[in-house]
Structures are given as structure tokens and as C-alpha cells.
Amino acid sequence: MRPLTVLTGILLGSSAATTFGLAATLVVFLVLSGENPQFRAELPLLVRYLAVFVGLTAVASLGFLGLAKNKPWRLWAQLATWASVAGLAALYWSTRP
């Protein structure tokens, strides 16, 4: 396997795990938001990051499949994958206090 395929696979696994973790956290926050108003305040940002990571996971999976199967559109998928990572980094730094 080529190094870029491995790196994309690592990114795919990490983003899928983060997506699962954010979704589980969202469920817990939704259940507990009636008792703790501080959880309700965190919901919009949590939903935003969950949506971003769902998108990143989808794009990374396309990038990984394109590389693994040597498809002609693999370079476009890789460009979208790394642009998504850059967008996520920009979103993260813009929401820092």
C-alpha cells in the first residue's frame, strides 16, 4: 500500500472515531440538557462539529477508496479530503476564545 493511502486511511479511521464520539456525546447532552442548562448551551457547537466530522468522514472515505482502487478521480477526492482537513482546522481556530 502506498504511503498516501495509509495516511488517508489513518485520517478516515480517526475522523470516523471522532464522529462516533461526537454523536454519543450529543445523545448524552440531549438526555441531560433538561437537568443541566449548561449542556443546552453547548449543543449548537457540538452539532456543528458533528456535521463537519460527518462530512470529513464521507470525503475521506471517498479519498481512501479512490486511492485503494486506483480510480481516475482519486486526485480530486484527495484534494477534497485535504481541503476538508484545512477547513476543519480553520473552523477550529475560529471558534477558539
PDB file of N, CA and C in Angstrom:
ATOM      1  N   MET A   1       0.838  -1.173   0.000  1.00  0.00           N
ATOM      2  CA  MET A   1       0.000   0.000   0.000  1.00  0.00           C
ATOM      3  C   MET A   1       0.888   1.244   0.000  1.00  0.00           C
ATOM      4  N   ARG A   2       0.483   2.228  -0.749  1.00  0.00           N
ATOM      5  CA  ARG A   2       1.253   3.467  -0.859  1.00  0.00           C
ATOM      6  C   ARG A   2       1.112   4.340   0.388  1.00  0.00           C
ATOM      7  N   PRO A   3       2.095   5.169   0.668  1.00  0.00           N
ATOM      8  CA  PRO A   3       2.064   5.988   1.890  1.00  0.00           C
ATOM      9  C   PRO A   3       0.852   6.926   1.968  1.00  0.00           C
ATOM     10  N   LEU A   4       0.452   7.515   0.852  1.00  0.00           N
ATOM     11  CA  LEU A   4      -0.701   8.416   0.885  1.00  0.00           C
ATOM     12  C   LEU A   4      -1.986   7.648   1.186  1.00  0.00           C
ATOM     13  N   THR A   5      -2.073   6.414   0.719  1.00  0.00           N
ATOM     14  CA  THR A   5      -3.238   5.582   1.026  1.00  0.00           C
ATOM     15  C   THR A   5      -3.276   5.273   2.520  1.00  0.00           C
ATOM     16  N   VAL A   6      -2.145   4.968   3.084  1.00  0.00           N
ATOM     17  CA  VAL A   6      -2.076   4.686   4.522  1.00  0.00           C
ATOM     18  C   VAL A   6      -2.444   5.932   5.319  1.00  0.00           C
ATOM     19  N   LEU A   7      -1.897   7.069   4.942  1.00  0.00           N
ATOM     20  CA  LEU A   7      -2.193   8.318   5.640  1.00  0.00           C
ATOM     21  C   LEU A   7      -3.679   8.664   5.539  1.00  0.00           C
ATOM     22  N   THR A   8      -4.261   8.458   4.383  1.00  0.00           N
ATOM     23  CA  THR A   8      -5.688   8.720   4.208  1.00  0.00           C
ATOM     24  C   THR A   8      -6.520   7.733   5.022  1.00  0.00           C
ATOM     25  N   GLY A   9      -6.074   6.487   5.112  1.00  0.00           N
ATOM     26  CA  GLY A   9      -6.762   5.500   5.937  1.00  0.00           C
ATOM     27  C   GLY A   9      -6.724   5.869   7.412  1.00  0.00           C
ATOM     28  N   ILE A  10      -5.596   6.384   7.863  1.00  0.00           N
ATOM     29  CA  ILE A  10      -5.484   6.835   9.255  1.00  0.00           C
ATOM     30  C   ILE A  10      -6.424   8.012   9.495  1.00  0.00           C
ATOM     31  N   LEU A  11      -6.467   8.947   8.548  1.00  0.00           N
ATOM     32  CA  LEU A  11      -7.378  10.084   8.656  1.00  0.00           C
ATOM     33  C   LEU A  11      -8.829   9.607   8.667  1.00  0.00           C
ATOM     34  N   LEU A  12      -9.151   8.642   7.818  1.00  0.00           N
ATOM     35  CA  LEU A  12     -10.512   8.098   7.770  1.00  0.00           C
ATOM     36  C   LEU A  12     -10.889   7.450   9.102  1.00  0.00           C
ATOM     37  N   GLY A  13     -10.023   6.635   9.644  1.00  0.00           N
ATOM     38  CA  GLY A  13     -10.313   5.987  10.919  1.00  0.00           C
ATOM     39  C   GLY A  13     -10.452   6.979  12.055  1.00  0.00           C
ATOM     40  N   SER A  14      -9.591   7.969  12.069  1.00  0.00           N
ATOM     41  CA  SER A  14      -9.649   8.987  13.125  1.00  0.00           C
ATOM     42  C   SER A  14     -10.921   9.822  13.023  1.00  0.00           C
ATOM     43  N   SER A  15     -11.283  10.205  11.815  1.00  0.00           N
ATOM     44  CA  SER A  15     -12.500  11.014  11.663  1.00  0.00           C
ATOM     45  C   SER A  15     -13.752  10.196  11.957  1.00  0.00           C
ATOM     46  N   ALA A  16     -13.757   8.916  11.601  1.00  0.00           N
ATOM     47  CA  ALA A  16     -14.910   8.074  11.917  1.00  0.00           C
ATOM     48  C   ALA A  16     -15.048   7.886  13.432  1.00  0.00           C
ATOM     49  N   ALA A  17     -13.941   7.685  14.113  1.00  0.00           N
ATOM     50  CA  ALA A  17     -13.977   7.538  15.570  1.00  0.00           C
ATOM     51  C   ALA A  17     -14.428   8.833  16.241  1.00  0.00           C
ATOM     52  N   THR A  18     -13.958   9.956  15.752  1.00  0.00           N
ATOM     53  CA  THR A  18     -14.368  11.245  16.310  1.00  0.00           C
ATOM     54  C   THR A  18     -15.850  11.495  16.048  1.00  0.00           C
ATOM     55  N   THR A  19     -16.323  11.125  14.856  1.00  0.00           N
ATOM     56  CA  THR A  19     -17.743  11.267  14.542  1.00  0.00           C
ATOM     57  C   THR A  19     -18.590  10.445  15.507  1.00  0.00           C
ATOM     58  N   PHE A  20     -18.184   9.213  15.762  1.00  0.00           N
ATOM     59  CA  PHE A  20     -18.914   8.367  16.698  1.00  0.00           C
ATOM     60  C   PHE A  20     -18.898   8.972  18.101  1.00  0.00           C
ATOM     61  N   GLY A  21     -17.760   9.458  18.525  1.00  0.00           N
ATOM     62  CA  GLY A  21     -17.647  10.066  19.852  1.00  0.00           C
ATOM     63  C   GLY A  21     -18.510  11.313  19.988  1.00  0.00           C
ATOM     64  N   LEU A  22     -18.529  12.147  18.957  1.00  0.00           N
ATOM     65  CA  LEU A  22     -19.359  13.347  18.994  1.00  0.00           C
ATOM     66  C   LEU A  22     -20.847  12.996  18.998  1.00  0.00           C
ATOM     67  N   ALA A  23     -21.218  11.976  18.226  1.00  0.00           N
ATOM     68  CA  ALA A  23     -22.622  11.557  18.202  1.00  0.00           C
ATOM     69  C   ALA A  23     -23.050  11.012  19.564  1.00  0.00           C
ATOM     70  N   ALA A  24     -22.202  10.224  20.190  1.00  0.00           N
ATOM     71  CA  ALA A  24     -22.519   9.695  21.517  1.00  0.00           C
ATOM     72  C   ALA A  24     -22.612  10.824  22.539  1.00  0.00           C
ATOM     73  N   THR A  25     -21.729  11.792  22.447  1.00  0.00           N
ATOM     74  CA  THR A  25     -21.770  12.940  23.350  1.00  0.00           C
ATOM     75  C   THR A  25     -23.042  13.752  23.131  1.00  0.00           C
ATOM     76  N   LEU A  26     -23.446  13.902  21.884  1.00  0.00           N
ATOM     77  CA  LEU A  26     -24.678  14.625  21.583  1.00  0.00           C
ATOM     78  C   LEU A  26     -25.882  13.933  22.216  1.00  0.00           C
ATOM     79  N   VAL A  27     -25.937  12.620  22.125  1.00  0.00           N
ATOM     80  CA  VAL A  27     -27.048  11.877  22.748  1.00  0.00           C
ATOM     81  C   VAL A  27     -27.064  12.113  24.259  1.00  0.00           C
ATOM     82  N   VAL A  28     -25.912  12.025  24.879  1.00  0.00           N
ATOM     83  CA  VAL A  28     -25.837  12.242  26.335  1.00  0.00           C
ATOM     84  C   VAL A  28     -26.249  13.672  26.683  1.00  0.00           C
ATOM     85  N   PHE A  29     -25.776  14.648  25.925  1.00  0.00           N
ATOM     86  CA  PHE A  29     -26.127  16.046  26.202  1.00  0.00           C
ATOM     87  C   PHE A  29     -27.621  16.270  26.013  1.00  0.00           C
ATOM     88  N   LEU A  30     -28.214  15.640  25.008  1.00  0.00           N
ATOM     89  CA  LEU A  30     -29.650  15.798  24.787  1.00  0.00           C
ATOM     90  C   LEU A  30     -30.449  15.200  25.937  1.00  0.00           C
ATOM     91  N   VAL A  31     -30.010  14.068  26.432  1.00  0.00           N
ATOM     92  CA  VAL A  31     -30.707  13.435  27.553  1.00  0.00           C
ATOM     93  C   VAL A  31     -30.576  14.275  28.819  1.00  0.00           C
ATOM     94  N   LEU A  32     -29.408  14.823  29.064  1.00  0.00           N
ATOM     95  CA  LEU A  32     -29.153  15.561  30.304  1.00  0.00           C
ATOM     96  C   LEU A  32     -29.445  17.060  30.223  1.00  0.00           C
ATOM     97  N   SER A  33     -29.795  17.571  29.055  1.00  0.00           N
ATOM     98  CA  SER A  33     -29.971  19.017  28.910  1.00  0.00           C
ATOM     99  C   SER A  33     -31.163  19.543  29.700  1.00  0.00           C
ATOM    100  N   GLY A  34     -32.144  18.689  29.994  1.00  0.00           N
ATOM    101  CA  GLY A  34     -33.266  19.133  30.817  1.00  0.00           C
ATOM    102  C   GLY A  34     -32.854  19.395  32.248  1.00  0.00           C
ATOM    103  N   GLU A  35     -31.901  18.639  32.729  1.00  0.00           N
ATOM    104  CA  GLU A  35     -31.448  18.781  34.119  1.00  0.00           C
ATOM    105  C   GLU A  35     -30.322  19.803  34.268  1.00  0.00           C
ATOM    106  N   ASN A  36     -29.500  19.930  33.255  1.00  0.00           N
ATOM    107  CA  ASN A  36     -28.341  20.831  33.309  1.00  0.00           C
ATOM    108  C   ASN A  36     -28.397  21.818  32.141  1.00  0.00           C
ATOM    109  N   PRO A  37     -28.758  23.059  32.399  1.00  0.00           N
ATOM    110  CA  PRO A  37     -28.850  24.045  31.312  1.00  0.00           C
ATOM    111  C   PRO A  37     -27.512  24.324  30.623  1.00  0.00           C
ATOM    112  N   GLN A  38     -26.404  24.054  31.302  1.00  0.00           N
ATOM    113  CA  GLN A  38     -25.097  24.302  30.672  1.00  0.00           C
ATOM    114  C   GLN A  38     -24.892  23.388  29.463  1.00  0.00           C
ATOM    115  N   PHE A  39     -25.486  22.186  29.479  1.00  0.00           N
ATOM    116  CA  PHE A  39     -25.374  21.295  28.328  1.00  0.00           C
ATOM    117  C   PHE A  39     -26.141  21.857  27.135  1.00  0.00           C
ATOM    118  N   ARG A  40     -27.272  22.509  27.407  1.00  0.00           N
ATOM    119  CA  ARG A  40     -28.066  23.095  26.326  1.00  0.00           C
ATOM    120  C   ARG A  40     -27.273  24.167  25.590  1.00  0.00           C
ATOM    121  N   ALA A  41     -26.444  24.899  26.299  1.00  0.00           N
ATOM    122  CA  ALA A  41     -25.644  25.953  25.676  1.00  0.00           C
ATOM    123  C   ALA A  41     -24.561  25.384  24.758  1.00  0.00           C
ATOM    124  N   GLU A  42     -24.130  24.172  25.016  1.00  0.00           N
ATOM    125  CA  GLU A  42     -23.077  23.543  24.213  1.00  0.00           C
ATOM    126  C   GLU A  42     -23.608  22.858  22.953  1.00  0.00           C
ATOM    127  N   LEU A  43     -24.916  22.650  22.862  1.00  0.00           N
ATOM    128  CA  LEU A  43     -25.481  21.885  21.758  1.00  0.00           C
ATOM    129  C   LEU A  43     -25.200  22.464  20.365  1.00  0.00           C
ATOM    130  N   PRO A  44     -25.345  23.774  20.135  1.00  0.00           N
ATOM    131  CA  PRO A  44     -25.106  24.275  18.771  1.00  0.00           C
ATOM    132  C   PRO A  44     -23.686  23.996  18.261  1.00  0.00           C
ATOM    133  N   LEU A  45     -22.695  24.221  19.104  1.00  0.00           N
ATOM    134  CA  LEU A  45     -21.312  23.964  18.683  1.00  0.00           C
ATOM    135  C   LEU A  45     -21.066  22.465  18.492  1.00  0.00           C
ATOM    136  N   LEU A  46     -21.639  21.659  19.353  1.00  0.00           N
ATOM    137  CA  LEU A  46     -21.494  20.211  19.233  1.00  0.00           C
ATOM    138  C   LEU A  46     -22.123  19.703  17.939  1.00  0.00           C
ATOM    139  N   VAL A  47     -23.292  20.205  17.604  1.00  0.00           N
ATOM    140  CA  VAL A  47     -23.956  19.798  16.355  1.00  0.00           C
ATOM    141  C   VAL A  47     -23.143  20.254  15.148  1.00  0.00           C
ATOM    142  N   ARG A  48     -22.572  21.447  15.219  1.00  0.00           N
ATOM    143  CA  ARG A  48     -21.757  21.953  14.107  1.00  0.00           C
ATOM    144  C   ARG A  48     -20.538  21.057  13.875  1.00  0.00           C
ATOM    145  N   TYR A  49     -19.848  20.714  14.950  1.00  0.00           N
ATOM    146  CA  TYR A  49     -18.674  19.853  14.807  1.00  0.00           C
ATOM    147  C   TYR A  49     -19.052  18.446  14.367  1.00  0.00           C
ATOM    148  N   LEU A  50     -20.187  17.951  14.818  1.00  0.00           N
ATOM    149  CA  LEU A  50     -20.638  16.636  14.358  1.00  0.00           C
ATOM    150  C   LEU A  50     -20.892  16.656  12.855  1.00  0.00           C
ATOM    151  N   ALA A  51     -21.554  17.695  12.362  1.00  0.00           N
ATOM    152  CA  ALA A  51     -21.807  17.804  10.920  1.00  0.00           C
ATOM    153  C   ALA A  51     -20.496  17.893  10.136  1.00  0.00           C
ATOM    154  N   VAL A  52     -19.547  18.653  10.640  1.00  0.00           N
ATOM    155  CA  VAL A  52     -18.254  18.788   9.967  1.00  0.00           C
ATOM    156  C   VAL A  52     -17.533  17.442   9.911  1.00  0.00           C
ATOM    157  N   PHE A  53     -17.551  16.699  11.007  1.00  0.00           N
ATOM    158  CA  PHE A  53     -16.849  15.420  11.018  1.00  0.00           C
ATOM    159  C   PHE A  53     -17.580  14.346  10.215  1.00  0.00           C
ATOM    160  N   VAL A  54     -18.902  14.423  10.123  1.00  0.00           N
ATOM    161  CA  VAL A  54     -19.621  13.507   9.226  1.00  0.00           C
ATOM    162  C   VAL A  54     -19.182  13.774   7.783  1.00  0.00           C
ATOM    163  N   GLY A  55     -19.095  15.052   7.420  1.00  0.00           N
ATOM    164  CA  GLY A  55     -18.631  15.404   6.077  1.00  0.00           C
ATOM    165  C   GLY A  55     -17.198  14.976   5.827  1.00  0.00           C
ATOM    166  N   LEU A  56     -16.328  15.202   6.809  1.00  0.00           N
ATOM    167  CA  LEU A  56     -14.931  14.803   6.660  1.00  0.00           C
ATOM    168  C   LEU A  56     -14.808  13.292   6.517  1.00  0.00           C
ATOM    169  N   THR A  57     -15.589  12.546   7.287  1.00  0.00           N
ATOM    170  CA  THR A  57     -15.547  11.087   7.183  1.00  0.00           C
ATOM    171  C   THR A  57     -15.999  10.632   5.801  1.00  0.00           C
ATOM    172  N   ALA A  58     -17.050  11.251   5.279  1.00  0.00           N
ATOM    173  CA  ALA A  58     -17.538  10.882   3.949  1.00  0.00           C
ATOM    174  C   ALA A  58     -16.504  11.194   2.868  1.00  0.00           C
ATOM    175  N   VAL A  59     -15.907  12.365   2.937  1.00  0.00           N
ATOM    176  CA  VAL A  59     -14.918  12.758   1.926  1.00  0.00           C
ATOM    177  C   VAL A  59     -13.654  11.907   2.053  1.00  0.00           C
ATOM    178  N   ALA A  60     -13.225  11.622   3.287  1.00  0.00           N
ATOM    179  CA  ALA A  60     -12.036  10.793   3.486  1.00  0.00           C
ATOM    180  C   ALA A  60     -12.270   9.370   2.995  1.00  0.00           C
ATOM    181  N   SER A  61     -13.495   8.874   3.151  1.00  0.00           N
ATOM    182  CA  SER A  61     -13.774   7.527   2.645  1.00  0.00           C
ATOM    183  C   SER A  61     -13.714   7.483   1.121  1.00  0.00           C
ATOM    184  N   LEU A  62     -14.188   8.529   0.475  1.00  0.00           N
ATOM    185  CA  LEU A  62     -14.059   8.591  -0.986  1.00  0.00           C
ATOM    186  C   LEU A  62     -12.587   8.678  -1.398  1.00  0.00           C
ATOM    187  N   GLY A  63     -11.830   9.492  -0.678  1.00  0.00           N
ATOM    188  CA  GLY A  63     -10.409   9.606  -0.981  1.00  0.00           C
ATOM    189  C   GLY A  63      -9.680   8.287  -0.793  1.00  0.00           C
ATOM    190  N   PHE A  64     -10.010   7.578   0.275  1.00  0.00           N
ATOM    191  CA  PHE A  64      -9.372   6.287   0.529  1.00  0.00           C
ATOM    192  C   PHE A  64      -9.751   5.260  -0.536  1.00  0.00           C
ATOM    193  N   LEU A  65     -11.026   5.188  -0.867  1.00  0.00           N
ATOM    194  CA  LEU A  65     -11.458   4.224  -1.895  1.00  0.00           C
ATOM    195  C   LEU A  65     -10.838   4.548  -3.248  1.00  0.00           C
ATOM    196  N   GLY A  66     -10.760   5.832  -3.570  1.00  0.00           N
ATOM    197  CA  GLY A  66     -10.153   6.223  -4.838  1.00  0.00           C
ATOM    198  C   GLY A  66      -8.702   5.795  -4.932  1.00  0.00           C
ATOM    199  N   LEU A  67      -7.962   5.960  -3.852  1.00  0.00           N
ATOM    200  CA  LEU A  67      -6.559   5.548  -3.844  1.00  0.00           C
ATOM    201  C   LEU A  67      -6.413   4.035  -3.818  1.00  0.00           C
ATOM    202  N   ALA A  68      -7.213   3.365  -2.994  1.00  0.00           N
ATOM    203  CA  ALA A  68      -7.085   1.914  -2.854  1.00  0.00           C
ATOM    204  C   ALA A  68      -7.442   1.178  -4.147  1.00  0.00           C
ATOM    205  N   LYS A  69      -8.424   1.709  -4.886  1.00  0.00           N
ATOM    206  CA  LYS A  69      -8.850   1.051  -6.127  1.00  0.00           C
ATOM    207  C   LYS A  69      -8.253   1.688  -7.371  1.00  0.00           C
ATOM    208  N   ASN A  70      -7.377   2.688  -7.159  1.00  0.00           N
ATOM    209  CA  ASN A  70      -6.677   3.353  -8.257  1.00  0.00           C
ATOM    210  C   ASN A  70      -7.642   3.917  -9.306  1.00  0.00           C
ATOM    211  N   LYS A  71      -8.666   4.601  -8.828  1.00  0.00           N
ATOM    212  CA  LYS A  71      -9.679   5.194  -9.707  1.00  0.00           C
ATOM    213  C   LYS A  71      -9.139   6.470 -10.348  1.00  0.00           C
ATOM    214  N   PRO A  72      -9.652   6.824 -11.517  1.00  0.00           N
ATOM    215  CA  PRO A  72      -9.151   8.032 -12.184  1.00  0.00           C
ATOM    216  C   PRO A  72      -9.491   9.327 -11.446  1.00  0.00           C
ATOM    217  N   TRP A  73     -10.520   9.335 -10.608  1.00  0.00           N
ATOM    218  CA  TRP A  73     -10.919  10.533  -9.876  1.00  0.00           C
ATOM    219  C   TRP A  73     -10.245  10.650  -8.514  1.00  0.00           C
ATOM    220  N   ARG A  74      -9.262   9.788  -8.240  1.00  0.00           N
ATOM    221  CA  ARG A  74      -8.643   9.753  -6.909  1.00  0.00           C
ATOM    222  C   ARG A  74      -7.956  11.067  -6.536  1.00  0.00           C
ATOM    223  N   LEU A  75      -7.381  11.759  -7.491  1.00  0.00           N
ATOM    224  CA  LEU A  75      -6.707  13.020  -7.166  1.00  0.00           C
ATOM    225  C   LEU A  75      -7.695  14.092  -6.735  1.00  0.00           C
ATOM    226  N   TRP A  76      -8.874  14.117  -7.369  1.00  0.00           N
ATOM    227  CA  TRP A  76      -9.908  15.065  -6.955  1.00  0.00           C
ATOM    228  C   TRP A  76     -10.418  14.732  -5.564  1.00  0.00           C
ATOM    229  N   ALA A  77     -10.563  13.441  -5.287  1.00  0.00           N
ATOM    230  CA  ALA A  77     -11.015  13.027  -3.955  1.00  0.00           C
ATOM    231  C   ALA A  77      -9.979  13.386  -2.900  1.00  0.00           C
ATOM    232  N   GLN A  78      -8.707  13.245  -3.226  1.00  0.00           N
ATOM    233  CA  GLN A  78      -7.657  13.620  -2.277  1.00  0.00           C
ATOM    234  C   GLN A  78      -7.644  15.125  -2.051  1.00  0.00           C
ATOM    235  N   LEU A  79      -7.831  15.872  -3.113  1.00  0.00           N
ATOM    236  CA  LEU A  79      -7.889  17.326  -2.979  1.00  0.00           C
ATOM    237  C   LEU A  79      -9.048  17.726  -2.068  1.00  0.00           C
ATOM    238  N   ALA A  80     -10.204  17.104  -2.246  1.00  0.00           N
ATOM    239  CA  ALA A  80     -11.355  17.393  -1.395  1.00  0.00           C
ATOM    240  C   ALA A  80     -11.089  16.978   0.048  1.00  0.00           C
ATOM    241  N   THR A  81     -10.410  15.847   0.246  1.00  0.00           N
ATOM    242  CA  THR A  81     -10.107  15.371   1.588  1.00  0.00           C
ATOM    243  C   THR A  81      -9.224  16.365   2.326  1.00  0.00           C
ATOM    244  N   TRP A  82      -8.152  16.774   1.714  1.00  0.00           N
ATOM    245  CA  TRP A  82      -7.214  17.661   2.404  1.00  0.00           C
ATOM    246  C   TRP A  82      -7.751  19.081   2.501  1.00  0.00           C
ATOM    247  N   ALA A  83      -8.622  19.483   1.569  1.00  0.00           N
ATOM    248  CA  ALA A  83      -9.298  20.777   1.709  1.00  0.00           C
ATOM    249  C   ALA A  83     -10.261  20.743   2.893  1.00  0.00           C
ATOM    250  N   SER A  84     -10.899  19.595   3.107  1.00  0.00           N
ATOM    251  CA  SER A  84     -11.787  19.438   4.257  1.00  0.00           C
ATOM    252  C   SER A  84     -11.007  19.506   5.565  1.00  0.00           C
ATOM    253  N   VAL A  85      -9.836  18.906   5.593  1.00  0.00           N
ATOM    254  CA  VAL A  85      -8.991  18.978   6.792  1.00  0.00           C
ATOM    255  C   VAL A  85      -8.581  20.428   7.049  1.00  0.00           C
ATOM    256  N   ALA A  86      -8.222  21.148   5.999  1.00  0.00           N
ATOM    257  CA  ALA A  86      -7.861  22.556   6.157  1.00  0.00           C
ATOM    258  C   ALA A  86      -9.057  23.384   6.628  1.00  0.00           C
ATOM    259  N   GLY A  87     -10.242  23.086   6.104  1.00  0.00           N
ATOM    260  CA  GLY A  87     -11.453  23.775   6.543  1.00  0.00           C
ATOM    261  C   GLY A  87     -11.772  23.491   7.998  1.00  0.00           C
ATOM    262  N   LEU A  88     -11.574  22.252   8.416  1.00  0.00           N
ATOM    263  CA  LEU A  88     -11.794  21.893   9.810  1.00  0.00           C
ATOM    264  C   LEU A  88     -10.819  22.638  10.718  1.00  0.00           C
ATOM    265  N   ALA A  89      -9.570  22.726  10.311  1.00  0.00           N
ATOM    266  CA  ALA A  89      -8.580  23.459  11.100  1.00  0.00           C
ATOM    267  C   ALA A  89      -8.958  24.939  11.204  1.00  0.00           C
ATOM    268  N   ALA A  90      -9.423  25.521  10.095  1.00  0.00           N
ATOM    269  CA  ALA A  90      -9.838  26.928  10.116  1.00  0.00           C
ATOM    270  C   ALA A  90     -11.051  27.126  11.029  1.00  0.00           C
ATOM    271  N   LEU A  91     -12.008  26.190  10.984  1.00  0.00           N
ATOM    272  CA  LEU A  91     -13.172  26.275  11.864  1.00  0.00           C
ATOM    273  C   LEU A  91     -12.757  26.172  13.315  1.00  0.00           C
ATOM    274  N   TYR A  92     -11.860  25.248  13.597  1.00  0.00           N
ATOM    275  CA  TYR A  92     -11.401  25.078  14.966  1.00  0.00           C
ATOM    276  C   TYR A  92     -10.735  26.345  15.495  1.00  0.00           C
ATOM    277  N   TRP A  93      -9.834  26.908  14.718  1.00  0.00           N
ATOM    278  CA  TRP A  93      -9.131  28.092  15.199  1.00  0.00           C
ATOM    279  C   TRP A  93     -10.030  29.313  15.270  1.00  0.00           C
ATOM    280  N   SER A  94     -11.096  29.344  14.460  1.00  0.00           N
ATOM    281  CA  SER A  94     -12.000  30.500  14.523  1.00  0.00           C
ATOM    282  C   SER A  94     -12.925  30.446  15.730  1.00  0.00           C
ATOM    283  N   THR A  95     -13.125  29.273  16.312  1.00  0.00           N
ATOM    284  CA  THR A  95     -14.013  29.153  17.472  1.00  0.00           C
ATOM    285  C   THR A  95     -13.240  29.163  18.791  1.00  0.00           C
ATOM    286  N   ARG A  96     -11.933  29.266  18.734  1.00  0.00           N
ATOM    287  CA  ARG A  96     -11.130  29.354  19.958  1.00  0.00           C
ATOM    288  C   ARG A  96     -11.307  30.717  20.583  1.00  0.00           C
ATOM    289  N   PRO A  97     -11.402  30.799  21.915  1.00  0.00           N
ATOM    290  CA  PRO A  97     -11.544  32.111  22.573  1.00  0.00           C
ATOM    291  C   PRO A  97     -10.267  32.930  22.519  1.00  0.00           C
TER     292      PRO A  97
END
